[in-house]
């Protein structure tokens, strides 16, 4: 399923200009779509040309040639492709999308998708629909079209990476609209092949754009439905996320953040945590590697990675709550012991960032309160701000935006605090934990991991 990601990202040319003006440069206002310079006539002509080309795809072909085209796909005329790309680019304009919706163009595009054997045509049609669905009213209307919903979900079984990229982008956008999300989720719950197809993409694709859009889609689905999260929390999904992590690690850091958050969502279900514990030898290495990649830098910079780090640590905490597996999960070898020391390093950095943000921002919040513009932010901080991070991670995640410390800093420190407390509790009853905590935190220094752990907790 591989294809150079640049081929996907650079495919749309700029919108045309000469088609929409006469020889003197005056706009053809009567033919313009809304307040744009785009021509209604040009759009209709392009769509009719597309329909005719698709209808004639099998013209003059033998049965064997038709079967071959159905299996391997066909190329399309370059002029038609250029015009379709222009139309695709134009639909980024809301007036153009609304115009196409008014003239029932989505039904026509669905007909083309269902009939064509040209992967490029299918990709462009999905790209156009993906732009149209960005408009809320269009998204709601499309979600009520059963044929569109069913066909779109079935396209996840395809094997053309660019088309899958656009299909996942379409679904991501549709599920992001409150007015259409529930209907899509209903269909997804009832269609078991959606999960199977998404898991297959994660396990087999090397296309980073496709992996990113697929992980984004899965994360959004799980975040939107507890029922689906429970149902999809399985070894096949976890295996797929691990494979996607390995693929994305050297290519796109933002994808790693989404993967780690998806694993975190899986860890909150009973079935999910059971799977993660059973697969700890698969999961722990990627968590440890992600944390190690950050901690091994000469200067540990976590500004843009706090949420992903928090997701990693929340998963570690969930795994450690299974006391029978603790030794196998965290203290099985030197790599795992290194993870313990890296987490303590992060605790130090997160605590430093928290205190710095608190010092820098508290004064600004108080100043705003004097001016009457605080939106009650300072009142929310009359209680001890540290109290925000000593509860569970979810309460920290939902902390008010009016607090003096960024919510991602709170979330990270909260997850690390939970880890430290859990580790201390485990040390009372687990000899492996006790032994690991007696290791020196750093060579040449007298402080042990246990002493540093207690010191950090005391100062939180």
Protein backbone atom coordinates (compact mmCIF):
# COMPACT_ATOMS: atom_id res chain seq x y z
CA UNK A 1 0.00 0.00 0.00
CA UNK A 2 3.02 2.27 -0.24
CA UNK A 3 3.17 5.47 -2.22
CA UNK A 4 5.40 8.49 -1.82
CA UNK A 5 3.59 10.86 0.55
CA UNK A 6 4.65 13.85 -1.55
CA UNK A 7 2.48 12.53 -4.37
CA UNK A 8 -0.50 12.90 -2.07
CA UNK A 9 0.23 16.28 -0.53
CA UNK A 10 1.17 18.14 -3.74
CA UNK A 11 -1.65 17.05 -5.98
CA UNK A 12 -3.91 20.15 -6.16
CA UNK A 13 -2.97 23.01 -8.49
CA UNK A 14 -4.06 26.58 -7.82
CA UNK A 15 -7.59 27.48 -9.01
CA UNK A 16 -7.86 28.62 -12.63
CA UNK A 17 -8.31 32.25 -13.48
CA UNK A 18 -8.59 32.59 -17.25
CA UNK A 19 -11.75 30.48 -17.43
CA UNK A 20 -13.59 33.03 -15.34
CA UNK A 21 -12.75 36.27 -17.10
CA UNK A 22 -13.28 37.68 -20.60
CA UNK A 23 -10.61 39.11 -22.83
CA UNK A 24 -10.78 42.49 -21.11
CA UNK A 25 -10.42 40.96 -17.65
CA UNK A 26 -14.00 41.84 -16.64
CA UNK A 27 -15.69 39.17 -14.53
CA UNK A 28 -18.54 37.20 -16.01
CA UNK A 29 -20.74 38.29 -13.13
CA UNK A 30 -23.94 36.66 -14.30
CA UNK A 31 -22.15 33.33 -14.49
CA UNK A 32 -20.27 33.65 -11.19
CA UNK A 33 -20.88 31.39 -8.18
CA UNK A 34 -21.81 33.61 -5.24
CA UNK A 35 -19.21 36.31 -4.66
CA UNK A 36 -16.47 34.29 -6.35
CA UNK A 37 -15.02 34.52 -9.86
CA UNK A 38 -15.74 30.84 -10.45
CA UNK A 39 -18.01 30.04 -13.40
CA UNK A 40 -21.21 28.01 -13.05
CA UNK A 41 -20.98 27.04 -16.70
CA UNK A 42 -17.43 25.77 -16.31
CA UNK A 43 -18.42 23.68 -13.30
CA UNK A 44 -21.41 22.14 -15.10
CA UNK A 45 -19.32 21.45 -18.20
CA UNK A 46 -16.60 19.74 -16.14
CA UNK A 47 -19.12 17.54 -14.33
CA UNK A 48 -20.84 16.55 -17.57
CA UNK A 49 -17.47 15.71 -19.13
CA UNK A 50 -16.69 13.52 -16.11
CA UNK A 51 -20.02 11.68 -16.37
CA UNK A 52 -19.52 11.04 -20.08
CA UNK A 53 -15.96 9.78 -19.54
CA UNK A 54 -17.08 7.33 -16.86
CA UNK A 55 -19.97 6.08 -19.00
CA UNK A 56 -17.55 5.41 -21.86
CA UNK A 57 -14.86 3.64 -19.82
CA UNK A 58 -15.88 0.20 -21.10
CA UNK A 59 -16.60 1.28 -24.66
CA UNK A 60 -14.93 -0.99 -27.21
CA UNK A 61 -13.39 -3.29 -24.60
CA UNK A 62 -13.58 -7.06 -24.51
CA UNK A 63 -14.84 -8.87 -21.43
CA UNK A 64 -11.24 -9.71 -20.51
CA UNK A 65 -10.17 -6.08 -20.81
CA UNK A 66 -13.12 -4.99 -18.67
CA UNK A 67 -12.18 -7.49 -15.98
CA UNK A 68 -8.56 -6.36 -16.06
CA UNK A 69 -9.63 -2.72 -15.73
CA UNK A 70 -11.83 -3.62 -12.79
CA UNK A 71 -8.92 -5.34 -11.04
CA UNK A 72 -6.03 -2.98 -11.78
CA UNK A 73 -7.75 0.31 -12.60
CA UNK A 74 -7.34 2.62 -15.57
CA UNK A 75 -5.71 5.97 -16.27
CA UNK A 76 -7.76 9.04 -17.14
CA UNK A 77 -7.32 11.74 -19.75
CA UNK A 78 -4.85 14.36 -18.54
CA UNK A 79 -7.09 17.29 -19.53
CA UNK A 80 -9.98 15.82 -17.58
CA UNK A 81 -7.71 15.20 -14.61
CA UNK A 82 -6.52 18.81 -14.65
CA UNK A 83 -10.09 20.12 -14.76
CA UNK A 84 -11.15 17.84 -11.92
CA UNK A 85 -8.20 19.01 -9.84
CA UNK A 86 -9.27 22.61 -10.43
CA UNK A 87 -12.79 21.76 -9.31
CA UNK A 88 -11.41 19.98 -6.25
CA UNK A 89 -9.39 23.05 -5.35
CA UNK A 90 -12.38 25.34 -5.95
CA UNK A 91 -14.55 23.45 -3.45
CA UNK A 92 -12.36 24.76 -0.65
CA UNK A 93 -14.52 27.86 -1.18
CA UNK A 94 -17.79 27.54 0.75
CA UNK A 95 -19.84 29.29 -1.98
CA UNK A 96 -18.73 26.68 -4.51
CA UNK A 97 -19.52 23.82 -2.12
CA UNK A 98 -22.98 25.23 -1.41
CA UNK A 99 -23.57 25.65 -5.14
CA UNK A 100 -22.66 22.00 -5.78
CA UNK A 101 -24.89 20.91 -2.91
CA UNK A 102 -27.80 22.94 -4.28
CA UNK A 103 -27.50 21.17 -7.63
CA UNK A 104 -27.32 17.68 -6.07
CA UNK A 105 -23.73 17.16 -7.12
CA UNK A 106 -22.96 14.72 -4.24
CA UNK A 107 -25.40 12.21 -5.78
CA UNK A 108 -23.63 12.57 -9.12
CA UNK A 109 -20.22 12.09 -7.50
CA UNK A 110 -21.50 8.98 -5.72
CA UNK A 111 -22.66 7.59 -9.07
CA UNK A 112 -19.21 8.24 -10.54
CA UNK A 113 -17.46 6.56 -7.58
CA UNK A 114 -19.68 3.51 -7.90
CA UNK A 115 -19.08 3.12 -11.66
CA UNK A 116 -15.52 4.20 -12.40
CA UNK A 117 -12.48 1.95 -12.61
CA UNK A 118 -10.10 4.91 -12.44
CA UNK A 119 -8.60 5.25 -8.93
CA UNK A 120 -7.62 8.86 -9.64
CA UNK A 121 -11.24 9.77 -10.40
CA UNK A 122 -12.41 8.13 -7.18
CA UNK A 123 -9.74 9.95 -5.19
CA UNK A 124 -10.67 13.35 -6.63
CA UNK A 125 -14.40 12.77 -6.09
CA UNK A 126 -13.74 11.89 -2.44
CA UNK A 127 -11.49 14.94 -2.17
CA UNK A 128 -14.30 17.16 -3.45
CA UNK A 129 -16.77 15.62 -0.99
CA UNK A 130 -14.15 16.03 1.75
CA UNK A 131 -14.03 19.77 1.06
CA UNK A 132 -17.81 20.06 0.87
CA UNK A 133 -18.35 18.32 4.20
CA UNK A 134 -16.36 21.06 5.94
CA UNK A 135 -19.53 23.18 5.75
CA UNK A 136 -21.84 22.27 8.63
CA UNK A 137 -25.14 22.34 6.71
CA UNK A 138 -23.68 20.17 3.95
CA UNK A 139 -22.24 17.74 6.49
CA UNK A 140 -25.65 17.27 8.10
CA UNK A 141 -27.33 16.77 4.73
CA UNK A 142 -24.74 14.22 3.59
CA UNK A 143 -25.04 12.27 6.84
CA UNK A 144 -28.75 11.77 6.07
CA UNK A 145 -27.92 10.17 2.72
CA UNK A 146 -27.85 6.44 3.49
CA UNK A 147 -26.28 5.57 0.14
CA UNK A 148 -23.43 8.02 0.71
CA UNK A 149 -22.79 6.80 4.25
CA UNK A 150 -22.81 3.13 3.24
CA UNK A 151 -20.62 3.65 0.17
CA UNK A 152 -18.11 5.82 2.01
CA UNK A 153 -17.65 3.28 4.81
CA UNK A 154 -17.30 0.45 2.29
CA UNK A 155 -14.48 2.36 0.57
CA UNK A 156 -12.29 1.71 3.61
CA UNK A 157 -11.80 -1.77 2.16
CA UNK A 158 -10.08 -0.29 -0.90
CA UNK A 159 -6.40 -0.70 -1.67
CA UNK A 160 -5.55 2.64 -3.30
CA UNK A 161 -3.69 4.74 -0.69
CA UNK A 162 -4.55 8.22 -2.09
CA UNK A 163 -8.25 7.34 -2.19
CA UNK A 164 -8.07 5.99 1.36
CA UNK A 165 -6.32 9.20 2.48
CA UNK A 166 -9.27 11.25 1.17
CA UNK A 167 -11.87 8.82 2.51
CA UNK A 168 -10.43 9.03 6.02
CA UNK A 169 -10.19 12.81 5.74
CA UNK A 170 -13.86 12.96 4.73
CA UNK A 171 -14.90 10.77 7.67
CA UNK A 172 -12.76 12.75 10.12
CA UNK A 173 -14.47 15.96 9.06
CA UNK A 174 -17.98 14.48 9.07
CA UNK A 175 -17.49 13.05 12.56
CA UNK A 176 -16.22 16.41 13.81
CA UNK A 177 -19.57 18.11 13.16
CA UNK A 178 -22.03 17.74 16.09
CA UNK A 179 -24.97 17.76 13.70
CA UNK A 180 -23.79 14.72 11.76
CA UNK A 181 -21.49 12.74 14.08
CA UNK A 182 -24.13 10.60 15.80
CA UNK A 183 -25.57 9.28 12.56
CA UNK A 184 -22.14 8.26 11.30
CA UNK A 185 -21.37 6.60 14.63
CA UNK A 186 -24.60 4.60 14.41
CA UNK A 187 -23.57 3.17 11.04
CA UNK A 188 -20.02 2.51 12.25
CA UNK A 189 -21.31 0.56 15.27
CA UNK A 190 -23.39 -1.68 13.02
CA UNK A 191 -20.70 -2.33 10.41
CA UNK A 192 -18.01 -4.68 11.75
CA UNK A 193 -15.99 -4.35 8.56
CA UNK A 194 -15.18 -0.73 9.38
CA UNK A 195 -13.03 -1.85 12.31
CA UNK A 196 -11.46 -4.70 10.33
CA UNK A 197 -10.53 -2.41 7.46
CA UNK A 198 -9.05 0.30 9.69
CA UNK A 199 -7.02 -2.26 11.64
CA UNK A 200 -5.73 -3.73 8.37
CA UNK A 201 -4.58 -0.30 7.17
CA UNK A 202 -2.63 0.25 10.40
CA UNK A 203 -1.00 -3.16 10.18
CA UNK A 204 -0.04 -3.04 6.51
CA UNK A 205 0.33 0.51 5.19
CA UNK A 206 3.64 2.35 4.84
CA UNK A 207 2.01 5.56 3.56
CA UNK A 208 2.49 8.09 6.36
CA UNK A 209 -0.38 10.33 5.21
CA UNK A 210 -2.73 7.38 5.24
CA UNK A 211 -1.51 6.18 8.63
CA UNK A 212 -1.95 9.65 10.12
CA UNK A 213 -5.49 10.08 8.78
CA UNK A 214 -6.44 6.55 9.83
CA UNK A 215 -5.14 6.97 13.38
CA UNK A 216 -6.85 10.36 13.57
CA UNK A 217 -10.12 8.75 12.53
CA UNK A 218 -9.86 5.87 15.01
CA UNK A 219 -8.95 8.27 17.82
CA UNK A 220 -11.97 10.46 17.03
CA UNK A 221 -14.33 7.48 16.89
CA UNK A 222 -13.11 6.08 20.21
CA UNK A 223 -13.23 9.50 21.84
CA UNK A 224 -16.83 9.91 20.65
CA UNK A 225 -18.29 6.56 21.72
CA UNK A 226 -17.59 4.51 24.86
CA UNK A 227 -19.53 1.64 23.32
CA UNK A 228 -17.28 1.49 20.27
CA UNK A 229 -14.17 1.90 22.43
CA UNK A 230 -15.13 -1.16 24.46
CA UNK A 231 -15.94 -3.12 21.33
CA UNK A 232 -12.79 -2.18 19.41
CA UNK A 233 -10.30 -2.64 22.28
CA UNK A 234 -8.61 -5.74 20.91
CA UNK A 235 -5.21 -7.24 20.14
CA UNK A 236 -5.62 -6.55 16.41
CA UNK A 237 -6.09 -2.82 16.98
CA UNK A 238 -3.21 -2.66 19.46
CA UNK A 239 -0.94 -4.53 17.03
CA UNK A 240 -1.92 -2.07 14.31
CA UNK A 241 -1.19 0.94 16.51
CA UNK A 242 2.22 -0.48 17.41
CA UNK A 243 3.05 -1.01 13.72
CA UNK A 244 1.88 2.51 12.89
CA UNK A 245 4.03 3.87 15.74
CA UNK A 246 7.12 2.16 14.33
CA UNK A 247 6.39 3.56 10.87
CA UNK A 248 5.67 7.11 12.05
CA UNK A 249 8.45 7.40 14.63
CA UNK A 250 11.04 8.67 12.18
CA UNK A 251 8.66 10.42 9.80
CA UNK A 252 5.95 12.36 11.64
CA UNK A 253 5.99 13.12 15.36
CA UNK A 254 2.43 14.46 15.35
CA UNK A 255 1.17 11.00 14.40
CA UNK A 256 2.85 9.51 17.48
CA UNK A 257 0.87 11.83 19.72
CA UNK A 258 -2.42 10.61 18.25
CA UNK A 259 -1.36 6.95 18.48
CA UNK A 260 -0.46 7.34 22.16
CA UNK A 261 -3.77 9.06 22.91
CA UNK A 262 -5.62 6.23 21.16
CA UNK A 263 -3.81 3.67 23.32
CA UNK A 264 -4.76 5.74 26.35
CA UNK A 265 -8.44 5.57 25.32
CA UNK A 266 -8.14 1.79 25.00
CA UNK A 267 -6.61 1.57 28.49
CA UNK A 268 -9.73 2.98 30.18
CA UNK A 269 -11.87 -0.01 29.18
CA UNK A 270 -11.81 -3.30 31.09
CA UNK A 271 -11.29 -5.29 27.89
CA UNK A 272 -8.67 -2.85 26.70
CA UNK A 273 -6.54 -2.93 29.84
CA UNK A 274 -6.71 -6.74 29.84
CA UNK A 275 -5.37 -6.76 26.27
CA UNK A 276 -2.67 -4.22 27.08
CA UNK A 277 -1.50 -6.20 30.12
CA UNK A 278 -1.34 -9.40 28.08
CA UNK A 279 0.58 -7.55 25.37
CA UNK A 280 2.86 -5.61 27.73
CA UNK A 281 5.98 -6.93 25.99
CA UNK A 282 4.66 -5.26 22.82
CA UNK A 283 3.33 -2.05 24.36
CA UNK A 284 5.98 -1.16 26.93
CA UNK A 285 8.86 -0.95 24.42
CA UNK A 286 7.12 1.75 22.34
CA UNK A 287 6.15 3.72 25.44
CA UNK A 288 9.69 3.45 26.77
CA UNK A 289 11.17 4.37 23.39
CA UNK A 290 9.01 7.47 23.01
CA UNK A 291 9.92 8.68 26.50
CA UNK A 292 13.59 7.78 25.98
CA UNK A 293 13.78 9.71 22.70
CA UNK A 294 12.78 12.84 24.61
CA UNK A 295 14.84 12.26 27.74
CA UNK A 296 18.08 11.44 25.94
CA UNK A 297 18.29 14.90 24.38
CA UNK A 298 20.95 17.13 25.91
CA UNK A 299 18.17 19.53 26.90
CA UNK A 300 14.87 17.85 27.72
CA UNK A 301 12.26 19.92 25.88
CA UNK A 302 8.67 18.85 26.46
CA UNK A 303 6.72 21.96 25.47
CA UNK A 304 5.01 20.46 22.42
CA UNK A 305 4.89 16.89 23.69
CA UNK A 306 3.24 17.19 27.09
CA UNK A 307 -0.08 15.68 26.06
CA UNK A 308 1.56 12.74 24.29
CA UNK A 309 3.83 12.16 27.28
CA UNK A 310 0.83 12.27 29.60
CA UNK A 311 -0.94 9.67 27.45
CA UNK A 312 2.12 7.40 27.66
CA UNK A 313 2.36 7.72 31.43
CA UNK A 314 -1.37 7.21 31.96
CA UNK A 315 -1.06 3.91 30.07
CA UNK A 316 1.95 2.91 32.19
CA UNK A 317 -0.06 3.71 35.32
CA UNK A 318 -2.96 1.60 34.07
CA UNK A 319 -0.65 -1.36 33.44
CA UNK A 320 0.93 -1.05 36.88
CA UNK A 321 -2.42 -1.34 38.59
CA UNK A 322 -2.35 -5.05 37.77
CA UNK A 323 -0.13 -6.01 40.70
CA UNK A 324 0.42 -9.57 39.47
CA UNK A 325 2.09 -8.23 36.33
CA UNK A 326 4.10 -5.36 37.82
CA UNK A 327 7.49 -7.09 37.81
CA UNK A 328 7.04 -8.29 34.24
CA UNK A 329 5.84 -4.90 33.03
CA UNK A 330 8.27 -2.42 34.56
CA UNK A 331 11.24 -4.25 36.03
CA UNK A 332 11.83 -7.07 33.60
CA UNK A 333 15.18 -5.79 32.30
CA UNK A 334 17.59 -2.87 32.19
CA UNK A 335 15.50 -1.12 29.51
CA UNK A 336 12.50 -1.06 31.79
CA UNK A 337 14.60 0.21 34.70
CA UNK A 338 15.84 2.95 32.41
CA UNK A 339 12.19 3.90 31.85
CA UNK A 340 11.81 4.41 35.60
CA UNK A 341 14.72 6.86 35.68
CA UNK A 342 13.44 8.68 32.60
CA UNK A 343 10.05 9.11 34.24
CA UNK A 344 11.75 10.62 37.26
CA UNK A 345 13.62 13.01 34.95
CA UNK A 346 10.32 14.02 33.40
CA UNK A 347 8.85 14.52 36.87
CA UNK A 348 11.63 17.00 37.59
CA UNK A 349 11.12 18.85 34.30
CA UNK A 350 7.32 18.91 34.57
CA UNK A 351 7.49 20.18 38.13
CA UNK A 352 9.90 22.92 37.06
CA UNK A 353 7.64 23.95 34.18
CA UNK A 354 4.60 23.97 36.44
CA UNK A 355 6.23 26.25 38.98
CA UNK A 356 7.59 28.57 36.30
CA UNK A 357 4.18 28.91 34.62
CA UNK A 358 2.52 29.45 37.97
CA UNK A 359 4.98 32.20 38.83
CA UNK A 360 4.73 33.90 35.43
CA UNK A 361 0.97 33.75 35.05
CA UNK A 362 -0.40 34.26 38.55
CA UNK A 363 0.42 37.95 38.50
CA UNK A 364 -1.27 38.41 35.13
CA UNK A 365 -4.42 36.72 36.37
CA UNK A 366 -4.55 38.92 39.47
CA UNK A 367 -4.01 42.03 37.34
CA UNK A 368 -6.91 41.02 35.12
CA UNK A 369 -9.09 40.53 38.16
CA UNK A 370 -8.40 44.09 39.26
CA UNK A 371 -9.50 45.31 35.83
CA UNK A 372 -12.65 43.21 35.99
CA UNK A 373 -11.62 41.11 32.99
CA UNK A 374 -10.61 37.87 34.63
CA UNK A 375 -13.79 35.88 33.96
CA UNK A 376 -13.42 34.64 37.54
CA UNK A 377 -10.02 33.11 36.74
CA UNK A 378 -8.42 34.42 39.91
CA UNK A 379 -11.30 33.16 42.05
CA UNK A 380 -10.75 29.70 40.68
CA UNK A 381 -7.14 29.93 41.87
CA UNK A 382 -7.87 31.09 45.41
CA UNK A 383 -7.56 27.44 46.35
CA UNK A 384 -4.12 25.87 46.26
CA UNK A 385 -3.30 25.54 42.50
CA UNK A 386 -1.31 22.39 43.18
CA UNK A 387 -4.54 20.73 44.28
CA UNK A 388 -5.52 20.63 40.63
CA UNK A 389 -2.76 18.14 39.85
CA UNK A 390 -3.07 15.84 42.83
CA UNK A 391 -6.34 14.24 41.77
CA UNK A 392 -6.93 11.92 38.87
CA UNK A 393 -5.70 12.77 35.40
CA UNK A 394 -9.16 13.35 34.02
CA UNK A 395 -9.94 16.14 36.47
CA UNK A 396 -6.65 17.76 35.56
CA UNK A 397 -7.47 17.45 31.87
CA UNK A 398 -10.76 19.23 32.45
CA UNK A 399 -9.29 21.99 34.58
CA UNK A 400 -10.52 25.47 33.78
CA UNK A 401 -8.73 27.45 31.11
CA UNK A 402 -8.68 30.31 33.59
CA UNK A 403 -6.08 28.66 35.82
CA UNK A 404 -2.54 30.02 35.99
CA UNK A 405 -0.98 26.88 34.50
CA UNK A 406 -1.53 25.44 31.05
CA UNK A 407 -3.84 22.41 31.08
CA UNK A 408 -1.30 20.18 29.32
CA UNK A 409 1.30 20.98 32.01
CA UNK A 410 -1.27 20.08 34.67
CA UNK A 411 -2.17 16.87 32.88
CA UNK A 412 1.45 15.76 32.56
CA UNK A 413 2.33 16.55 36.17
CA UNK A 414 -0.86 14.87 37.35
CA UNK A 415 0.00 11.66 35.47
CA UNK A 416 3.55 11.70 36.85
CA UNK A 417 2.29 12.31 40.37
CA UNK A 418 -0.08 9.36 40.04
CA UNK A 419 2.82 7.24 38.79
CA UNK A 420 5.02 8.23 41.75
CA UNK A 421 2.33 7.49 44.33
CA UNK A 422 1.47 4.18 42.72
CA UNK A 423 5.15 3.23 42.70
CA UNK A 424 5.51 4.00 46.40
CA UNK A 425 2.47 1.87 47.21
CA UNK A 426 3.84 -0.99 45.13
CA UNK A 427 7.25 -0.78 46.82
CA UNK A 428 5.71 -1.85 50.11
CA UNK A 429 4.67 -5.23 48.76
CA UNK A 430 6.81 -5.93 45.70
CA UNK A 431 10.50 -6.83 46.13
CA UNK A 432 11.35 -6.05 42.50
CA UNK A 433 9.99 -2.53 42.92
CA UNK A 434 11.89 -2.10 46.19
CA UNK A 435 15.13 -3.23 44.56
CA UNK A 436 14.69 -0.96 41.52
CA UNK A 437 14.02 2.07 43.70
CA UNK A 438 17.26 1.51 45.60
CA UNK A 439 19.29 2.09 42.41
CA UNK A 440 21.21 5.33 42.21
CA UNK A 441 19.30 7.86 40.14
CA UNK A 442 22.47 8.98 38.38
CA UNK A 443 26.03 7.70 38.44
CA UNK A 444 28.24 9.69 40.74
CA UNK A 445 25.36 10.94 42.86
CA UNK A 446 24.26 9.55 46.20
CA UNK A 447 20.53 10.05 45.82
CA UNK A 448 18.52 6.90 45.06
CA UNK A 449 15.44 6.69 42.91
CA UNK A 450 13.33 6.22 46.02
CA UNK A 451 14.79 9.30 47.72
CA UNK A 452 14.23 11.41 44.62
CA UNK A 453 10.72 10.06 44.28
CA UNK A 454 9.83 11.13 47.81
CA UNK A 455 11.54 14.48 47.37
CA UNK A 456 9.54 15.22 44.23
CA UNK A 457 6.26 14.21 45.86
CA UNK A 458 6.99 16.35 48.91
CA UNK A 459 7.56 19.40 46.74
CA UNK A 460 4.47 18.88 44.54
